[in-house]
Amino acid sequence: MAMSAAEIETLIRTALPDAEVSVEDLAGDGDHYAARIVSESFRGRSRIQQHQMVFSALGGRMGGVLHALALQTSVPNQEISR
């Protein structure tokens, strides 16, 4: 069973309440998404740590109900990291 963009956004916002989150279904199949997350919680953390925070927010759904998620993360007023 696939996840909706709204479900992904809700999970991320629950874990990172200050985050600006946008999620796009890349293929229209509910399996391939791109997410852009801007959060003060990322400040001082490496890109890997930022992505780990997002994956943690998804509660183990990556690789299961959520097949692919391309991430762009940043802190407010900072260039996006990939």
PDB file of N, CA and C in Angstrom:
ATOM      1  N   MET A   1       0.844  -1.182   0.000  1.00  0.00           N
ATOM      2  CA  MET A   1       0.000   0.000   0.000  1.00  0.00           C
ATOM      3  C   MET A   1       0.888   1.245   0.000  1.00  0.00           C
ATOM      4  N   ALA A   2       0.631   2.156  -0.897  1.00  0.00           N
ATOM      5  CA  ALA A   2       1.420   3.378  -1.034  1.00  0.00           C
ATOM      6  C   ALA A   2       0.991   4.424  -0.004  1.00  0.00           C
ATOM      7  N   MET A   3       1.857   5.401   0.193  1.00  0.00           N
ATOM      8  CA  MET A   3       1.557   6.519   1.092  1.00  0.00           C
ATOM      9  C   MET A   3       1.189   7.732   0.256  1.00  0.00           C
ATOM     10  N   SER A   4       0.380   8.602   0.822  1.00  0.00           N
ATOM     11  CA  SER A   4       0.055   9.851   0.146  1.00  0.00           C
ATOM     12  C   SER A   4       1.049  10.934   0.566  1.00  0.00           C
ATOM     13  N   ALA A   5       1.146  11.965  -0.257  1.00  0.00           N
ATOM     14  CA  ALA A   5       2.004  13.104   0.065  1.00  0.00           C
ATOM     15  C   ALA A   5       1.562  13.728   1.387  1.00  0.00           C
ATOM     16  N   ALA A   6       0.264  13.779   1.621  1.00  0.00           N
ATOM     17  CA  ALA A   6      -0.261  14.359   2.862  1.00  0.00           C
ATOM     18  C   ALA A   6       0.188  13.560   4.081  1.00  0.00           C
ATOM     19  N   GLU A   7       0.224  12.235   3.972  1.00  0.00           N
ATOM     20  CA  GLU A   7       0.681  11.399   5.089  1.00  0.00           C
ATOM     21  C   GLU A   7       2.153  11.656   5.391  1.00  0.00           C
ATOM     22  N   ILE A   8       2.955  11.745   4.350  1.00  0.00           N
ATOM     23  CA  ILE A   8       4.387  12.005   4.528  1.00  0.00           C
ATOM     24  C   ILE A   8       4.582  13.359   5.197  1.00  0.00           C
ATOM     25  N   GLU A   9       3.881  14.365   4.700  1.00  0.00           N
ATOM     26  CA  GLU A   9       3.989  15.710   5.268  1.00  0.00           C
ATOM     27  C   GLU A   9       3.569  15.726   6.734  1.00  0.00           C
ATOM     28  N   THR A  10       2.499  15.045   7.075  1.00  0.00           N
ATOM     29  CA  THR A  10       2.023  15.000   8.462  1.00  0.00           C
ATOM     30  C   THR A  10       3.052  14.363   9.379  1.00  0.00           C
ATOM     31  N   LEU A  11       3.652  13.256   8.957  1.00  0.00           N
ATOM     32  CA  LEU A  11       4.661  12.582   9.782  1.00  0.00           C
ATOM     33  C   LEU A  11       5.865  13.491  10.030  1.00  0.00           C
ATOM     34  N   ILE A  12       6.309  14.184   8.980  1.00  0.00           N
ATOM     35  CA  ILE A  12       7.462  15.069   9.127  1.00  0.00           C
ATOM     36  C   ILE A  12       7.114  16.247  10.026  1.00  0.00           C
ATOM     37  N   ARG A  13       5.951  16.839   9.827  1.00  0.00           N
ATOM     38  CA  ARG A  13       5.538  17.989  10.652  1.00  0.00           C
ATOM     39  C   ARG A  13       5.342  17.594  12.127  1.00  0.00           C
ATOM     40  N   THR A  14       4.927  16.386  12.369  1.00  0.00           N
ATOM     41  CA  THR A  14       4.755  15.910  13.747  1.00  0.00           C
ATOM     42  C   THR A  14       6.111  15.834  14.447  1.00  0.00           C
ATOM     43  N   ALA A  15       7.118  15.336  13.737  1.00  0.00           N
ATOM     44  CA  ALA A  15       8.458  15.196  14.327  1.00  0.00           C
ATOM     45  C   ALA A  15       9.217  16.517  14.352  1.00  0.00           C
ATOM     46  N   LEU A  16       8.949  17.382  13.377  1.00  0.00           N
ATOM     47  CA  LEU A  16       9.648  18.666  13.255  1.00  0.00           C
ATOM     48  C   LEU A  16       8.600  19.773  13.147  1.00  0.00           C
ATOM     49  N   PRO A  17       7.978  20.132  14.269  1.00  0.00           N
ATOM     50  CA  PRO A  17       6.833  21.057  14.238  1.00  0.00           C
ATOM     51  C   PRO A  17       7.113  22.417  13.621  1.00  0.00           C
ATOM     52  N   ASP A  18       8.355  22.867  13.649  1.00  0.00           N
ATOM     53  CA  ASP A  18       8.677  24.182  13.084  1.00  0.00           C
ATOM     54  C   ASP A  18       8.937  24.127  11.583  1.00  0.00           C
ATOM     55  N   ALA A  19       8.940  22.945  10.991  1.00  0.00           N
ATOM     56  CA  ALA A  19       9.375  22.763   9.611  1.00  0.00           C
ATOM     57  C   ALA A  19       8.390  23.305   8.578  1.00  0.00           C
ATOM     58  N   GLU A  20       8.975  23.849   7.520  1.00  0.00           N
ATOM     59  CA  GLU A  20       8.239  24.134   6.297  1.00  0.00           C
ATOM     60  C   GLU A  20       8.438  22.895   5.434  1.00  0.00           C
ATOM     61  N   VAL A  21       7.358  22.254   5.028  1.00  0.00           N
ATOM     62  CA  VAL A  21       7.453  20.983   4.320  1.00  0.00           C
ATOM     63  C   VAL A  21       6.645  21.050   3.026  1.00  0.00           C
ATOM     64  N   SER A  22       7.251  20.620   1.943  1.00  0.00           N
ATOM     65  CA  SER A  22       6.501  20.426   0.706  1.00  0.00           C
ATOM     66  C   SER A  22       6.880  19.059   0.157  1.00  0.00           C
ATOM     67  N   VAL A  23       5.875  18.311  -0.280  1.00  0.00           N
ATOM     68  CA  VAL A  23       6.083  16.958  -0.787  1.00  0.00           C
ATOM     69  C   VAL A  23       5.429  16.861  -2.160  1.00  0.00           C
ATOM     70  N   GLU A  24       6.163  16.299  -3.102  1.00  0.00           N
ATOM     71  CA  GLU A  24       5.675  16.161  -4.472  1.00  0.00           C
ATOM     72  C   GLU A  24       5.740  14.699  -4.896  1.00  0.00           C
ATOM     73  N   ASP A  25       4.658  14.197  -5.472  1.00  0.00           N
ATOM     74  CA  ASP A  25       4.619  12.843  -6.030  1.00  0.00           C
ATOM     75  C   ASP A  25       5.248  12.917  -7.419  1.00  0.00           C
ATOM     76  N   LEU A  26       6.444  12.380  -7.570  1.00  0.00           N
ATOM     77  CA  LEU A  26       7.211  12.539  -8.804  1.00  0.00           C
ATOM     78  C   LEU A  26       6.665  11.744  -9.984  1.00  0.00           C
ATOM     79  N   ALA A  27       6.104  10.574  -9.716  1.00  0.00           N
ATOM     80  CA  ALA A  27       5.673   9.699 -10.801  1.00  0.00           C
ATOM     81  C   ALA A  27       4.160   9.514 -10.850  1.00  0.00           C
ATOM     82  N   GLY A  28       3.451  10.090  -9.881  1.00  0.00           N
ATOM     83  CA  GLY A  28       2.003   9.918  -9.833  1.00  0.00           C
ATOM     84  C   GLY A  28       1.581   8.537  -9.391  1.00  0.00           C
ATOM     85  N   ASP A  29       2.507   7.789  -8.807  1.00  0.00           N
ATOM     86  CA  ASP A  29       2.204   6.410  -8.421  1.00  0.00           C
ATOM     87  C   ASP A  29       2.136   6.194  -6.913  1.00  0.00           C
ATOM     88  N   GLY A  30       2.362   7.241  -6.138  1.00  0.00           N
ATOM     89  CA  GLY A  30       2.338   7.096  -4.682  1.00  0.00           C
ATOM     90  C   GLY A  30       3.537   6.372  -4.114  1.00  0.00           C
ATOM     91  N   ASP A  31       4.567   6.168  -4.928  1.00  0.00           N
ATOM     92  CA  ASP A  31       5.767   5.457  -4.481  1.00  0.00           C
ATOM     93  C   ASP A  31       7.047   6.271  -4.594  1.00  0.00           C
ATOM     94  N   HIS A  32       7.041   7.311  -5.410  1.00  0.00           N
ATOM     95  CA  HIS A  32       8.260   8.088  -5.676  1.00  0.00           C
ATOM     96  C   HIS A  32       7.986   9.561  -5.384  1.00  0.00           C
ATOM     97  N   TYR A  33       8.597  10.044  -4.312  1.00  0.00           N
ATOM     98  CA  TYR A  33       8.346  11.405  -3.856  1.00  0.00           C
ATOM     99  C   TYR A  33       9.630  12.212  -3.757  1.00  0.00           C
ATOM    100  N   ALA A  34       9.454  13.524  -3.765  1.00  0.00           N
ATOM    101  CA  ALA A  34      10.526  14.459  -3.429  1.00  0.00           C
ATOM    102  C   ALA A  34       9.985  15.349  -2.325  1.00  0.00           C
ATOM    103  N   ALA A  35      10.810  15.621  -1.327  1.00  0.00           N
ATOM    104  CA  ALA A  35      10.384  16.475  -0.213  1.00  0.00           C
ATOM    105  C   ALA A  35      11.428  17.556   0.021  1.00  0.00           C
ATOM    106  N   ARG A  36      10.932  18.746   0.282  1.00  0.00           N
ATOM    107  CA  ARG A  36      11.781  19.882   0.647  1.00  0.00           C
ATOM    108  C   ARG A  36      11.394  20.259   2.073  1.00  0.00           C
ATOM    109  N   ILE A  37      12.362  20.227   2.976  1.00  0.00           N
ATOM    110  CA  ILE A  37      12.100  20.503   4.384  1.00  0.00           C
ATOM    111  C   ILE A  37      13.065  21.580   4.864  1.00  0.00           C
ATOM    112  N   VAL A  38      12.518  22.644   5.438  1.00  0.00           N
ATOM    113  CA  VAL A  38      13.310  23.724   6.023  1.00  0.00           C
ATOM    114  C   VAL A  38      12.958  23.753   7.504  1.00  0.00           C
ATOM    115  N   SER A  39      13.971  23.587   8.356  1.00  0.00           N
ATOM    116  CA  SER A  39      13.714  23.529   9.789  1.00  0.00           C
ATOM    117  C   SER A  39      14.905  24.063  10.579  1.00  0.00           C
ATOM    118  N   GLU A  40      14.608  24.836  11.595  1.00  0.00           N
ATOM    119  CA  GLU A  40      15.647  25.320  12.506  1.00  0.00           C
ATOM    120  C   GLU A  40      16.296  24.139  13.235  1.00  0.00           C
ATOM    121  N   SER A  41      15.582  23.041  13.376  1.00  0.00           N
ATOM    122  CA  SER A  41      16.109  21.841  14.038  1.00  0.00           C
ATOM    123  C   SER A  41      17.334  21.279  13.326  1.00  0.00           C
ATOM    124  N   PHE A  42      17.514  21.634  12.055  1.00  0.00           N
ATOM    125  CA  PHE A  42      18.651  21.140  11.290  1.00  0.00           C
ATOM    126  C   PHE A  42      19.926  21.933  11.535  1.00  0.00           C
ATOM    127  N   ARG A  43      19.802  23.092  12.144  1.00  0.00           N
ATOM    128  CA  ARG A  43      20.972  23.963  12.324  1.00  0.00           C
ATOM    129  C   ARG A  43      22.073  23.229  13.097  1.00  0.00           C
ATOM    130  N   GLY A  44      23.300  23.308  12.561  1.00  0.00           N
ATOM    131  CA  GLY A  44      24.457  22.691  13.207  1.00  0.00           C
ATOM    132  C   GLY A  44      24.587  21.202  12.945  1.00  0.00           C
ATOM    133  N   ARG A  45      23.693  20.649  12.173  1.00  0.00           N
ATOM    134  CA  ARG A  45      23.741  19.210  11.870  1.00  0.00           C
ATOM    135  C   ARG A  45      24.203  19.006  10.433  1.00  0.00           C
ATOM    136  N   SER A  46      24.893  17.898  10.219  1.00  0.00           N
ATOM    137  CA  SER A  46      25.345  17.574   8.869  1.00  0.00           C
ATOM    138  C   SER A  46      24.138  17.194   8.006  1.00  0.00           C
ATOM    139  N   ARG A  47      24.355  17.194   6.713  1.00  0.00           N
ATOM    140  CA  ARG A  47      23.290  16.794   5.792  1.00  0.00           C
ATOM    141  C   ARG A  47      22.814  15.376   6.114  1.00  0.00           C
ATOM    142  N   ILE A  48      23.735  14.481   6.408  1.00  0.00           N
ATOM    143  CA  ILE A  48      23.368  13.103   6.753  1.00  0.00           C
ATOM    144  C   ILE A  48      22.499  13.087   8.001  1.00  0.00           C
ATOM    145  N   GLN A  49      22.858  13.852   9.015  1.00  0.00           N
ATOM    146  CA  GLN A  49      22.059  13.912  10.237  1.00  0.00           C
ATOM    147  C   GLN A  49      20.675  14.492   9.956  1.00  0.00           C
ATOM    148  N   GLN A  50      20.607  15.506   9.098  1.00  0.00           N
ATOM    149  CA  GLN A  50      19.315  16.090   8.734  1.00  0.00           C
ATOM    150  C   GLN A  50      18.424  15.041   8.074  1.00  0.00           C
ATOM    151  N   HIS A  51      18.992  14.297   7.137  1.00  0.00           N
ATOM    152  CA  HIS A  51      18.219  13.271   6.440  1.00  0.00           C
ATOM    153  C   HIS A  51      17.816  12.153   7.391  1.00  0.00           C
ATOM    154  N   GLN A  52      18.693  11.799   8.310  1.00  0.00           N
ATOM    155  CA  GLN A  52      18.349  10.784   9.310  1.00  0.00           C
ATOM    156  C   GLN A  52      17.170  11.237  10.168  1.00  0.00           C
ATOM    157  N   MET A  53      17.121  12.524  10.488  1.00  0.00           N
ATOM    158  CA  MET A  53      16.001  13.053  11.267  1.00  0.00           C
ATOM    159  C   MET A  53      14.683  12.885  10.503  1.00  0.00           C
ATOM    160  N   VAL A  54      14.736  13.145   9.208  1.00  0.00           N
ATOM    161  CA  VAL A  54      13.527  12.985   8.385  1.00  0.00           C
ATOM    162  C   VAL A  54      13.140  11.520   8.294  1.00  0.00           C
ATOM    163  N   PHE A  55      14.104  10.649   8.024  1.00  0.00           N
ATOM    164  CA  PHE A  55      13.803   9.220   7.933  1.00  0.00           C
ATOM    165  C   PHE A  55      13.255   8.685   9.255  1.00  0.00           C
ATOM    166  N   SER A  56      13.784   9.176  10.355  1.00  0.00           N
ATOM    167  CA  SER A  56      13.277   8.788  11.673  1.00  0.00           C
ATOM    168  C   SER A  56      11.823   9.211  11.832  1.00  0.00           C
ATOM    169  N   ALA A  57      11.506  10.400  11.337  1.00  0.00           N
ATOM    170  CA  ALA A  57      10.126  10.895  11.417  1.00  0.00           C
ATOM    171  C   ALA A  57       9.160   9.990  10.661  1.00  0.00           C
ATOM    172  N   LEU A  58       9.660   9.301   9.653  1.00  0.00           N
ATOM    173  CA  LEU A  58       8.810   8.426   8.846  1.00  0.00           C
ATOM    174  C   LEU A  58       8.590   7.065   9.500  1.00  0.00           C
ATOM    175  N   GLY A  59       9.203   6.851  10.640  1.00  0.00           N
ATOM    176  CA  GLY A  59       8.925   5.664  11.454  1.00  0.00           C
ATOM    177  C   GLY A  59       9.130   4.330  10.763  1.00  0.00           C
ATOM    178  N   GLY A  60      10.207   4.184  10.004  1.00  0.00           N
ATOM    179  CA  GLY A  60      10.504   2.892   9.394  1.00  0.00           C
ATOM    180  C   GLY A  60       9.719   2.582   8.127  1.00  0.00           C
ATOM    181  N   ARG A  61       9.019   3.549   7.592  1.00  0.00           N
ATOM    182  CA  ARG A  61       8.227   3.308   6.380  1.00  0.00           C
ATOM    183  C   ARG A  61       9.065   3.300   5.104  1.00  0.00           C
ATOM    184  N   MET A  62      10.273   3.897   5.154  1.00  0.00           N
ATOM    185  CA  MET A  62      11.144   3.894   3.975  1.00  0.00           C
ATOM    186  C   MET A  62      11.504   2.461   3.604  1.00  0.00           C
ATOM    187  N   GLY A  63      11.405   2.167   2.320  1.00  0.00           N
ATOM    188  CA  GLY A  63      11.727   0.829   1.845  1.00  0.00           C
ATOM    189  C   GLY A  63      10.561  -0.137   1.971  1.00  0.00           C
ATOM    190  N   GLY A  64       9.511   0.295   2.643  1.00  0.00           N
ATOM    191  CA  GLY A  64       8.306  -0.523   2.775  1.00  0.00           C
ATOM    192  C   GLY A  64       7.174   0.133   2.015  1.00  0.00           C
ATOM    193  N   VAL A  65       6.279   0.793   2.744  1.00  0.00           N
ATOM    194  CA  VAL A  65       5.162   1.476   2.090  1.00  0.00           C
ATOM    195  C   VAL A  65       5.608   2.716   1.332  1.00  0.00           C
ATOM    196  N   LEU A  66       6.790   3.224   1.650  1.00  0.00           N
ATOM    197  CA  LEU A  66       7.349   4.374   0.951  1.00  0.00           C
ATOM    198  C   LEU A  66       8.610   3.909   0.226  1.00  0.00           C
ATOM    199  N   HIS A  67       8.507   3.815  -1.083  1.00  0.00           N
ATOM    200  CA  HIS A  67       9.589   3.231  -1.886  1.00  0.00           C
ATOM    201  C   HIS A  67      10.770   4.180  -2.073  1.00  0.00           C
ATOM    202  N   ALA A  68      10.517   5.448  -2.466  1.00  0.00           N
ATOM    203  CA  ALA A  68      11.602   6.368  -2.760  1.00  0.00           C
ATOM    204  C   ALA A  68      11.241   7.783  -2.331  1.00  0.00           C
ATOM    205  N   LEU A  69      12.192   8.445  -1.677  1.00  0.00           N
ATOM    206  CA  LEU A  69      11.987   9.816  -1.233  1.00  0.00           C
ATOM    207  C   LEU A  69      13.281  10.591  -1.424  1.00  0.00           C
ATOM    208  N   ALA A  70      13.280  11.519  -2.378  1.00  0.00           N
ATOM    209  CA  ALA A  70      14.424  12.407  -2.592  1.00  0.00           C
ATOM    210  C   ALA A  70      14.277  13.578  -1.636  1.00  0.00           C
ATOM    211  N   LEU A  71      15.320  13.872  -0.876  1.00  0.00           N
ATOM    212  CA  LEU A  71      15.244  14.923   0.140  1.00  0.00           C
ATOM    213  C   LEU A  71      16.095  16.131  -0.210  1.00  0.00           C
ATOM    214  N   GLN A  72      15.564  17.302   0.092  1.00  0.00           N
ATOM    215  CA  GLN A  72      16.309  18.550   0.107  1.00  0.00           C
ATOM    216  C   GLN A  72      16.029  19.148   1.479  1.00  0.00           C
ATOM    217  N   THR A  73      17.083  19.354   2.252  1.00  0.00           N
ATOM    218  CA  THR A  73      16.916  19.874   3.608  1.00  0.00           C
ATOM    219  C   THR A  73      17.760  21.126   3.794  1.00  0.00           C
ATOM    220  N   SER A  74      17.277  22.018   4.642  1.00  0.00           N
ATOM    221  CA  SER A  74      18.041  23.229   4.962  1.00  0.00           C
ATOM    222  C   SER A  74      17.503  23.863   6.226  1.00  0.00           C
ATOM    223  N   VAL A  75      18.274  24.787   6.763  1.00  0.00           N
ATOM    224  CA  VAL A  75      17.810  25.631   7.857  1.00  0.00           C
ATOM    225  C   VAL A  75      17.250  26.906   7.231  1.00  0.00           C
ATOM    226  N   PRO A  76      16.434  27.665   7.941  1.00  0.00           N
ATOM    227  CA  PRO A  76      15.898  28.894   7.381  1.00  0.00           C
ATOM    228  C   PRO A  76      17.021  29.824   6.922  1.00  0.00           C
ATOM    229  N   ASN A  77      16.806  30.470   5.781  1.00  0.00           N
ATOM    230  CA  ASN A  77      17.761  31.426   5.206  1.00  0.00           C
ATOM    231  C   ASN A  77      19.103  30.792   4.856  1.00  0.00           C
ATOM    232  N   GLN A  78      19.087  29.535   4.459  1.00  0.00           N
ATOM    233  CA  GLN A  78      20.307  28.848   4.032  1.00  0.00           C
ATOM    234  C   GLN A  78      20.020  28.134   2.730  1.00  0.00           C
ATOM    235  N   GLU A  79      21.039  27.972   1.926  1.00  0.00           N
ATOM    236  CA  GLU A  79      20.914  27.251   0.661  1.00  0.00           C
ATOM    237  C   GLU A  79      20.512  25.815   0.928  1.00  0.00           C
ATOM    238  N   ILE A  80      19.701  25.253   0.043  1.00  0.00           N
ATOM    239  CA  ILE A  80      19.240  23.870   0.155  1.00  0.00           C
ATOM    240  C   ILE A  80      20.415  22.898  -0.001  1.00  0.00           C
ATOM    241  N   SER A  81      20.443  21.843   0.838  1.00  0.00           N
ATOM    242  CA  SER A  81      21.451  20.794   0.712  1.00  0.00           C
ATOM    243  C   SER A  81      20.780  19.548   0.148  1.00  0.00           C
ATOM    244  N   ARG A  82      21.537  18.797  -0.607  1.00  0.00           N
ATOM    245  CA  ARG A  82      21.005  17.553  -1.179  1.00  0.00           C
ATOM    246  C   ARG A  82      21.819  16.378  -0.759  1.00  0.00           C
TER     247      ARG A  82
END
